[in-house]
Amino acid sequence: MEYLEGEDLMELITREGALPSSRVADIGVQVSAALSAAQTRGRPLRNR
């Protein structure tokens, strides 16, 4: 997988504080979609 520049979740929360539940749900949907796509392509998923 390629590396994408951008703000990580910790930086977002530090900058904005507590996020509204709708934003948290949207982030969750994006993470789920990314994990599903990676698994479909046969990419190994691992923790750092």
Protein backbone atom coordinates (compact mmCIF):
# COMPACT_ATOMS: atom_id res chain seq x y z
CA MET A 1 0.00 0.00 0.00
CA GLU A 2 1.21 3.46 -0.73
CA TYR A 3 1.90 6.05 1.95
CA LEU A 4 -0.42 9.02 1.92
CA GLU A 5 0.54 12.30 3.52
CA GLY A 6 -2.00 13.76 5.87
CA GLU A 7 -3.19 14.28 9.39
CA ASP A 8 -3.62 11.20 11.56
CA LEU A 9 -6.49 10.67 13.97
CA MET A 10 -4.47 11.73 17.04
CA GLU A 11 -3.52 15.01 15.38
CA LEU A 12 -7.15 15.64 14.42
CA ILE A 13 -8.41 15.04 17.95
CA THR A 14 -5.61 17.17 19.44
CA ARG A 15 -6.46 20.01 17.07
CA GLU A 16 -10.26 19.83 17.26
CA GLY A 17 -10.93 18.18 20.62
CA ALA A 18 -13.89 15.86 21.03
CA LEU A 19 -15.47 15.05 17.68
CA PRO A 20 -19.22 14.97 17.06
CA SER A 21 -20.68 11.47 16.87
CA SER A 22 -21.54 11.95 13.19
CA ARG A 23 -17.86 12.67 12.42
CA VAL A 24 -16.73 9.64 14.43
CA ALA A 25 -19.22 7.47 12.53
CA ASP A 26 -17.95 8.83 9.20
CA ILE A 27 -14.34 8.06 10.16
CA GLY A 28 -15.40 4.55 11.20
CA VAL A 29 -17.05 3.96 7.83
CA GLN A 30 -13.89 5.13 6.04
CA VAL A 31 -11.65 2.86 8.13
CA SER A 32 -13.97 -0.12 7.57
CA ALA A 33 -14.02 0.49 3.81
CA ALA A 34 -10.22 0.74 3.69
CA LEU A 35 -9.76 -2.49 5.66
CA SER A 36 -12.29 -4.28 3.48
CA ALA A 37 -10.55 -3.10 0.30
CA ALA A 38 -7.15 -4.18 1.62
CA GLN A 39 -8.46 -7.61 2.58
CA THR A 40 -10.18 -8.04 -0.80
CA ARG A 41 -6.88 -7.34 -2.55
CA GLY A 42 -5.14 -9.91 -0.39
CA ARG A 43 -2.97 -7.35 1.39
CA PRO A 44 -1.72 -8.58 4.75
CA LEU A 45 -3.04 -6.55 7.64
CA ARG A 46 -0.74 -6.15 10.60
CA ASN A 47 -0.25 -3.99 13.65
CA ARG A 48 2.81 -1.87 14.13
